[in-house]
Amino acid sequence: LSVATTAPTLDTKNSDGEGADDITEGIGDSDSDGIPDYLDAQSSGASDQHLIPNQTVDGKTRFLVQTEPGIKIVTGNTARASSNHGVTITDANIGNFGSLLGGEPLNATDNFEHVGGIYDFELSGLAHGQSVNIAFPLESAIPINATFRKFNSATGWSDFVINSNNRLASAPGLLGACPEPGSSQYVDGLVAFSNCLQLTVEDGGPND
């Protein structure tokens, strides 16, 4: 089966604020990150492939997720199957499209309330065993007694594994503005009321 969608009608507005109007930029995806060029302010090439928006629906609340220069970040399979033009997804998106094939998974429910955003992304440009930092400007501050969860289409939800190559860190930051990945402003753990989260993830590791 295939899903047919209607191509958007573009006009002379500038949806991504990048300079060119929507008609000029078009509906293509020149950097292959899962976001159409007319919605993607980070579509100019290698210089910004380490940046991706959490969402593109409302420019006023559009935050940039950032990894290290030289690493490329793109939207994940569930975000693409959900037609989400950004890395933020919802529990409903996972319930509908969270399997490896973009369909309904077996274990979509969780016993935890998900706050601050659910993110679906893929990284490339790493060597096997390499760890990389990713910084997330959260949609709401980290609550007290928070736990960071991850989703696997085969096993469902579980806690993020922390070891020498995989870590969680937080920074106060500002709503929508975070220190760069690897900044000394990040401290280990989920610090309550922080607006910024940094993941350190190992390629091929338990959180990959």
C-alpha atoms as a PDB file:
ATOM      1  CA  LEU A   1       0.000   0.000   0.000  1.00  0.00           C
ATOM      2  CA  SER A   2       1.100   3.561  -0.556  1.00  0.00           C
ATOM      3  CA  VAL A   3      -0.057   6.837   0.892  1.00  0.00           C
ATOM      4  CA  ALA A   4      -0.777   9.620  -1.572  1.00  0.00           C
ATOM      5  CA  THR A   5      -0.193  13.178  -0.426  1.00  0.00           C
ATOM      6  CA  THR A   6      -0.933  16.483  -2.060  1.00  0.00           C
ATOM      7  CA  ALA A   7       2.084  18.688  -2.729  1.00  0.00           C
ATOM      8  CA  PRO A   8       1.902  22.008  -0.863  1.00  0.00           C
ATOM      9  CA  THR A   9       1.004  25.137  -2.774  1.00  0.00           C
ATOM     10  CA  LEU A  10       3.912  27.530  -2.391  1.00  0.00           C
ATOM     11  CA  ASP A  11       3.811  31.303  -2.586  1.00  0.00           C
ATOM     12  CA  THR A  12       6.172  34.233  -2.159  1.00  0.00           C
ATOM     13  CA  LYS A  13       6.309  34.092   1.651  1.00  0.00           C
ATOM     14  CA  ASN A  14       9.520  33.021   3.355  1.00  0.00           C
ATOM     15  CA  SER A  15       8.530  30.183   5.690  1.00  0.00           C
ATOM     16  CA  ASP A  16      12.018  29.312   6.925  1.00  0.00           C
ATOM     17  CA  GLY A  17      13.323  32.891   7.214  1.00  0.00           C
ATOM     18  CA  GLU A  18      16.398  31.957   5.207  1.00  0.00           C
ATOM     19  CA  GLY A  19      16.238  34.723   2.585  1.00  0.00           C
ATOM     20  CA  ALA A  20      14.666  33.165  -0.507  1.00  0.00           C
ATOM     21  CA  ASP A  21      10.900  32.823  -0.856  1.00  0.00           C
ATOM     22  CA  ASP A  22       9.126  29.461  -0.775  1.00  0.00           C
ATOM     23  CA  ILE A  23       8.660  29.225  -4.537  1.00  0.00           C
ATOM     24  CA  THR A  24      12.363  29.776  -5.142  1.00  0.00           C
ATOM     25  CA  GLU A  25      13.437  27.199  -2.562  1.00  0.00           C
ATOM     26  CA  GLY A  26      10.804  24.647  -3.558  1.00  0.00           C
ATOM     27  CA  ILE A  27       9.693  21.341  -2.030  1.00  0.00           C
ATOM     28  CA  GLY A  28      12.933  19.441  -2.724  1.00  0.00           C
ATOM     29  CA  ASP A  29      15.266  18.302   0.031  1.00  0.00           C
ATOM     30  CA  SER A  30      18.716  19.361  -1.179  1.00  0.00           C
ATOM     31  CA  ASP A  31      20.530  18.267   1.997  1.00  0.00           C
ATOM     32  CA  SER A  32      18.528  15.023   2.427  1.00  0.00           C
ATOM     33  CA  ASP A  33      17.655  15.725   6.059  1.00  0.00           C
ATOM     34  CA  GLY A  34      13.930  14.986   5.728  1.00  0.00           C
ATOM     35  CA  ILE A  35      12.822  18.635   5.633  1.00  0.00           C
ATOM     36  CA  PRO A  36      11.681  20.389   2.426  1.00  0.00           C
ATOM     37  CA  ASP A  37      13.953  23.263   1.434  1.00  0.00           C
ATOM     38  CA  TYR A  38      11.214  25.885   1.779  1.00  0.00           C
ATOM     39  CA  LEU A  39      10.871  24.946   5.474  1.00  0.00           C
ATOM     40  CA  ASP A  40      14.561  24.311   6.125  1.00  0.00           C
ATOM     41  CA  ALA A  41      16.770  27.218   7.141  1.00  0.00           C
ATOM     42  CA  GLN A  42      19.657  24.721   7.399  1.00  0.00           C
ATOM     43  CA  SER A  43      19.654  23.526   3.785  1.00  0.00           C
ATOM     44  CA  SER A  44      22.776  25.277   2.508  1.00  0.00           C
ATOM     45  CA  GLY A  45      25.095  22.264   2.751  1.00  0.00           C
ATOM     46  CA  ALA A  46      27.913  20.850   4.864  1.00  0.00           C
ATOM     47  CA  SER A  47      28.370  23.990   6.955  1.00  0.00           C
ATOM     48  CA  ASP A  48      25.118  23.434   8.846  1.00  0.00           C
ATOM     49  CA  GLN A  49      24.420  19.715   8.464  1.00  0.00           C
ATOM     50  CA  HIS A  50      24.995  19.365  12.233  1.00  0.00           C
ATOM     51  CA  LEU A  51      21.882  21.494  12.896  1.00  0.00           C
ATOM     52  CA  ILE A  52      18.221  20.529  12.535  1.00  0.00           C
ATOM     53  CA  PRO A  53      14.988  22.129  13.791  1.00  0.00           C
ATOM     54  CA  ASN A  54      12.816  20.421  16.347  1.00  0.00           C
ATOM     55  CA  GLN A  55       9.817  21.405  14.221  1.00  0.00           C
ATOM     56  CA  THR A  56       8.893  23.776  11.406  1.00  0.00           C
ATOM     57  CA  VAL A  57       5.231  24.474  12.086  1.00  0.00           C
ATOM     58  CA  ASP A  58       5.665  27.631  14.140  1.00  0.00           C
ATOM     59  CA  GLY A  59       8.787  29.691  13.606  1.00  0.00           C
ATOM     60  CA  LYS A  60       8.344  31.396  16.986  1.00  0.00           C
ATOM     61  CA  THR A  61       8.856  28.098  18.827  1.00  0.00           C
ATOM     62  CA  ARG A  62      11.334  26.528  16.385  1.00  0.00           C
ATOM     63  CA  PHE A  63      14.425  25.390  18.276  1.00  0.00           C
ATOM     64  CA  LEU A  64      17.602  23.967  16.762  1.00  0.00           C
ATOM     65  CA  VAL A  65      18.940  20.586  17.841  1.00  0.00           C
ATOM     66  CA  GLN A  66      22.705  20.576  17.408  1.00  0.00           C
ATOM     67  CA  THR A  67      25.410  17.943  17.208  1.00  0.00           C
ATOM     68  CA  GLU A  68      29.142  18.303  16.608  1.00  0.00           C
ATOM     69  CA  PRO A  69      30.517  19.825  13.375  1.00  0.00           C
ATOM     70  CA  GLY A  70      31.373  17.113  10.855  1.00  0.00           C
ATOM     71  CA  ILE A  71      28.456  14.921  11.975  1.00  0.00           C
ATOM     72  CA  LYS A  72      25.201  14.993  10.010  1.00  0.00           C
ATOM     73  CA  ILE A  73      21.826  14.864  11.748  1.00  0.00           C
ATOM     74  CA  VAL A  74      18.583  14.071   9.908  1.00  0.00           C
ATOM     75  CA  THR A  75      15.012  13.234  10.834  1.00  0.00           C
ATOM     76  CA  GLY A  76      14.359   9.624  11.821  1.00  0.00           C
ATOM     77  CA  ASN A  77      12.038   7.106  10.202  1.00  0.00           C
ATOM     78  CA  THR A  78       9.082   7.799  12.492  1.00  0.00           C
ATOM     79  CA  ALA A  79       9.328  11.561  11.966  1.00  0.00           C
ATOM     80  CA  ARG A  80       9.399  11.066   8.191  1.00  0.00           C
ATOM     81  CA  ALA A  81       6.545   8.554   8.180  1.00  0.00           C
ATOM     82  CA  SER A  82       4.527  11.028  10.272  1.00  0.00           C
ATOM     83  CA  SER A  83       5.306  13.864   7.809  1.00  0.00           C
ATOM     84  CA  ASN A  84       6.862  15.812  10.683  1.00  0.00           C
ATOM     85  CA  HIS A  85       9.275  18.334   9.205  1.00  0.00           C
ATOM     86  CA  GLY A  86      11.591  18.247  12.198  1.00  0.00           C
ATOM     87  CA  VAL A  87      12.913  15.790  14.775  1.00  0.00           C
ATOM     88  CA  THR A  88      10.130  16.282  17.333  1.00  0.00           C
ATOM     89  CA  ILE A  89       7.450  13.601  17.332  1.00  0.00           C
ATOM     90  CA  THR A  90       4.551  12.626  19.603  1.00  0.00           C
ATOM     91  CA  ASP A  91       3.406   9.481  21.384  1.00  0.00           C
ATOM     92  CA  ALA A  92       0.687   9.183  18.742  1.00  0.00           C
ATOM     93  CA  ASN A  93       3.325   9.281  15.990  1.00  0.00           C
ATOM     94  CA  ILE A  94       5.167   6.396  17.667  1.00  0.00           C
ATOM     95  CA  GLY A  95       1.926   4.455  18.069  1.00  0.00           C
ATOM     96  CA  ASN A  96       1.156   4.824  14.377  1.00  0.00           C
ATOM     97  CA  PHE A  97       4.584   4.753  12.710  1.00  0.00           C
ATOM     98  CA  GLY A  98       7.170   3.573  15.263  1.00  0.00           C
ATOM     99  CA  SER A  99       8.102   0.219  13.755  1.00  0.00           C
ATOM    100  CA  LEU A 100      11.222  -0.291  11.649  1.00  0.00           C
ATOM    101  CA  LEU A 101       9.024  -0.251   8.542  1.00  0.00           C
ATOM    102  CA  GLY A 102       7.167   2.893   9.541  1.00  0.00           C
ATOM    103  CA  GLY A 103       4.024   1.146  10.755  1.00  0.00           C
ATOM    104  CA  GLU A 104       2.429   0.386  14.111  1.00  0.00           C
ATOM    105  CA  PRO A 105       4.936  -1.093  16.611  1.00  0.00           C
ATOM    106  CA  LEU A 106       4.169  -3.771  19.182  1.00  0.00           C
ATOM    107  CA  ASN A 107       5.250  -1.830  22.300  1.00  0.00           C
ATOM    108  CA  ALA A 108       4.348   1.824  21.860  1.00  0.00           C
ATOM    109  CA  THR A 109       3.034   2.565  25.366  1.00  0.00           C
ATOM    110  CA  ASP A 110       5.125   3.674  28.336  1.00  0.00           C
ATOM    111  CA  ASN A 111       4.449   3.996  32.055  1.00  0.00           C
ATOM    112  CA  PHE A 112       6.129   7.399  32.162  1.00  0.00           C
ATOM    113  CA  GLU A 113       4.720  10.773  31.126  1.00  0.00           C
ATOM    114  CA  HIS A 114       6.829  12.236  28.320  1.00  0.00           C
ATOM    115  CA  VAL A 115       7.635  15.915  28.839  1.00  0.00           C
ATOM    116  CA  GLY A 116      10.117  18.233  27.175  1.00  0.00           C
ATOM    117  CA  GLY A 117       9.767  16.623  23.742  1.00  0.00           C
ATOM    118  CA  ILE A 118      10.275  13.261  22.032  1.00  0.00           C
ATOM    119  CA  TYR A 119      13.026  13.330  19.413  1.00  0.00           C
ATOM    120  CA  ASP A 120      13.530  11.056  16.429  1.00  0.00           C
ATOM    121  CA  PHE A 121      16.806  11.538  14.585  1.00  0.00           C
ATOM    122  CA  GLU A 122      19.670   9.738  12.879  1.00  0.00           C
ATOM    123  CA  LEU A 123      23.360  10.605  12.857  1.00  0.00           C
ATOM    124  CA  SER A 124      25.977   9.792  10.239  1.00  0.00           C
ATOM    125  CA  GLY A 125      29.696  10.455   9.880  1.00  0.00           C
ATOM    126  CA  LEU A 126      30.800   8.549  12.989  1.00  0.00           C
ATOM    127  CA  ALA A 127      33.320   5.731  13.238  1.00  0.00           C
ATOM    128  CA  HIS A 128      32.088   2.574  14.968  1.00  0.00           C
ATOM    129  CA  GLY A 129      32.528   2.979  18.716  1.00  0.00           C
ATOM    130  CA  GLN A 130      32.824   6.767  18.497  1.00  0.00           C
ATOM    131  CA  SER A 131      30.759   8.837  20.938  1.00  0.00           C
ATOM    132  CA  VAL A 132      29.156  12.122  19.933  1.00  0.00           C
ATOM    133  CA  ASN A 133      27.350  14.903  21.802  1.00  0.00           C
ATOM    134  CA  ILE A 134      23.895  16.170  20.824  1.00  0.00           C
ATOM    135  CA  ALA A 135      22.349  19.243  22.471  1.00  0.00           C
ATOM    136  CA  PHE A 136      18.569  19.646  22.756  1.00  0.00           C
ATOM    137  CA  PRO A 137      16.766  22.877  23.660  1.00  0.00           C
ATOM    138  CA  LEU A 138      13.820  21.367  25.522  1.00  0.00           C
ATOM    139  CA  GLU A 139      10.214  22.405  25.024  1.00  0.00           C
ATOM    140  CA  SER A 140       9.817  22.568  28.812  1.00  0.00           C
ATOM    141  CA  ALA A 141      12.349  22.462  31.636  1.00  0.00           C
ATOM    142  CA  ILE A 142      13.498  19.180  33.163  1.00  0.00           C
ATOM    143  CA  PRO A 143      11.132  18.257  36.022  1.00  0.00           C
ATOM    144  CA  ILE A 144      12.117  17.040  39.476  1.00  0.00           C
ATOM    145  CA  ASN A 145      13.025  13.337  39.646  1.00  0.00           C
ATOM    146  CA  ALA A 146      13.147  13.009  35.865  1.00  0.00           C
ATOM    147  CA  THR A 147      14.202   9.873  33.974  1.00  0.00           C
ATOM    148  CA  PHE A 148      15.374   9.866  30.363  1.00  0.00           C
ATOM    149  CA  ARG A 149      13.710   7.202  28.236  1.00  0.00           C
ATOM    150  CA  LYS A 150      14.448   5.789  24.784  1.00  0.00           C
ATOM    151  CA  PHE A 151      12.277   3.832  22.364  1.00  0.00           C
ATOM    152  CA  ASN A 152      13.219   0.716  20.429  1.00  0.00           C
ATOM    153  CA  SER A 153      10.744  -0.629  17.889  1.00  0.00           C
ATOM    154  CA  ALA A 154      11.445  -4.215  18.978  1.00  0.00           C
ATOM    155  CA  THR A 155      11.558  -3.852  22.767  1.00  0.00           C
ATOM    156  CA  GLY A 156       9.579  -0.665  23.463  1.00  0.00           C
ATOM    157  CA  TRP A 157      10.540   1.949  26.059  1.00  0.00           C
ATOM    158  CA  SER A 158      13.469   1.641  28.454  1.00  0.00           C
ATOM    159  CA  ASP A 159      15.891   3.834  30.399  1.00  0.00           C
ATOM    160  CA  PHE A 160      18.833   5.446  28.612  1.00  0.00           C
ATOM    161  CA  VAL A 161      21.985   3.432  29.374  1.00  0.00           C
ATOM    162  CA  ILE A 162      24.699   5.430  31.137  1.00  0.00           C
ATOM    163  CA  ASN A 163      28.309   4.259  31.053  1.00  0.00           C
ATOM    164  CA  SER A 164      31.753   5.604  30.127  1.00  0.00           C
ATOM    165  CA  ASN A 165      30.694   6.189  26.502  1.00  0.00           C
ATOM    166  CA  ASN A 166      27.057   7.197  27.010  1.00  0.00           C
ATOM    167  CA  ARG A 167      26.050  10.068  29.262  1.00  0.00           C
ATOM    168  CA  LEU A 168      23.294  12.522  30.119  1.00  0.00           C
ATOM    169  CA  ALA A 169      24.065  16.132  31.021  1.00  0.00           C
ATOM    170  CA  SER A 170      22.099  19.330  31.593  1.00  0.00           C
ATOM    171  CA  ALA A 171      22.632  23.078  31.371  1.00  0.00           C
ATOM    172  CA  PRO A 172      20.376  25.929  32.555  1.00  0.00           C
ATOM    173  CA  GLY A 173      20.400  27.676  29.183  1.00  0.00           C
ATOM    174  CA  LEU A 174      17.408  29.660  28.029  1.00  0.00           C
ATOM    175  CA  LEU A 175      14.182  28.487  26.445  1.00  0.00           C
ATOM    176  CA  GLY A 176      15.257  27.697  22.896  1.00  0.00           C
ATOM    177  CA  ALA A 177      18.938  28.582  23.343  1.00  0.00           C
ATOM    178  CA  CYS A 178      21.546  26.112  24.601  1.00  0.00           C
ATOM    179  CA  PRO A 179      25.332  25.909  24.894  1.00  0.00           C
ATOM    180  CA  GLU A 180      27.081  24.108  22.059  1.00  0.00           C
ATOM    181  CA  PRO A 181      27.627  20.353  22.388  1.00  0.00           C
ATOM    182  CA  GLY A 182      30.646  19.638  24.552  1.00  0.00           C
ATOM    183  CA  SER A 183      30.430  22.942  26.420  1.00  0.00           C
ATOM    184  CA  SER A 184      31.681  22.983  30.003  1.00  0.00           C
ATOM    185  CA  GLN A 185      28.317  24.475  30.998  1.00  0.00           C
ATOM    186  CA  TYR A 186      26.798  20.985  30.843  1.00  0.00           C
ATOM    187  CA  VAL A 187      26.939  19.025  34.093  1.00  0.00           C
ATOM    188  CA  ASP A 188      26.240  15.326  34.521  1.00  0.00           C
ATOM    189  CA  GLY A 189      22.699  14.156  35.097  1.00  0.00           C
ATOM    190  CA  LEU A 190      19.195  15.510  34.688  1.00  0.00           C
ATOM    191  CA  VAL A 191      19.275  18.693  36.743  1.00  0.00           C
ATOM    192  CA  ALA A 192      15.774  19.905  37.572  1.00  0.00           C
ATOM    193  CA  PHE A 193      14.607  23.130  35.883  1.00  0.00           C
ATOM    194  CA  SER A 194      17.334  23.011  33.231  1.00  0.00           C
ATOM    195  CA  ASN A 195      16.230  24.032  29.735  1.00  0.00           C
ATOM    196  CA  CYS A 196      18.991  22.159  27.895  1.00  0.00           C
ATOM    197  CA  LEU A 197      19.844  18.488  27.620  1.00  0.00           C
ATOM    198  CA  GLN A 198      23.010  16.958  26.184  1.00  0.00           C
ATOM    199  CA  LEU A 199      23.189  13.319  25.140  1.00  0.00           C
ATOM    200  CA  THR A 200      26.485  11.562  24.628  1.00  0.00           C
ATOM    201  CA  VAL A 201      25.762   8.528  22.452  1.00  0.00           C
ATOM    202  CA  GLU A 202      28.119   5.786  21.280  1.00  0.00           C
ATOM    203  CA  ASP A 203      27.857   4.573  17.703  1.00  0.00           C
ATOM    204  CA  GLY A 204      26.983   0.876  17.896  1.00  0.00           C
ATOM    205  CA  GLY A 205      26.475   1.193  21.653  1.00  0.00           C
ATOM    206  CA  PRO A 206      23.449   0.317  23.838  1.00  0.00           C
ATOM    207  CA  ASN A 207      21.605   3.558  22.992  1.00  0.00           C
ATOM    208  CA  ASP A 208      22.183   3.434  19.223  1.00  0.00           C
END
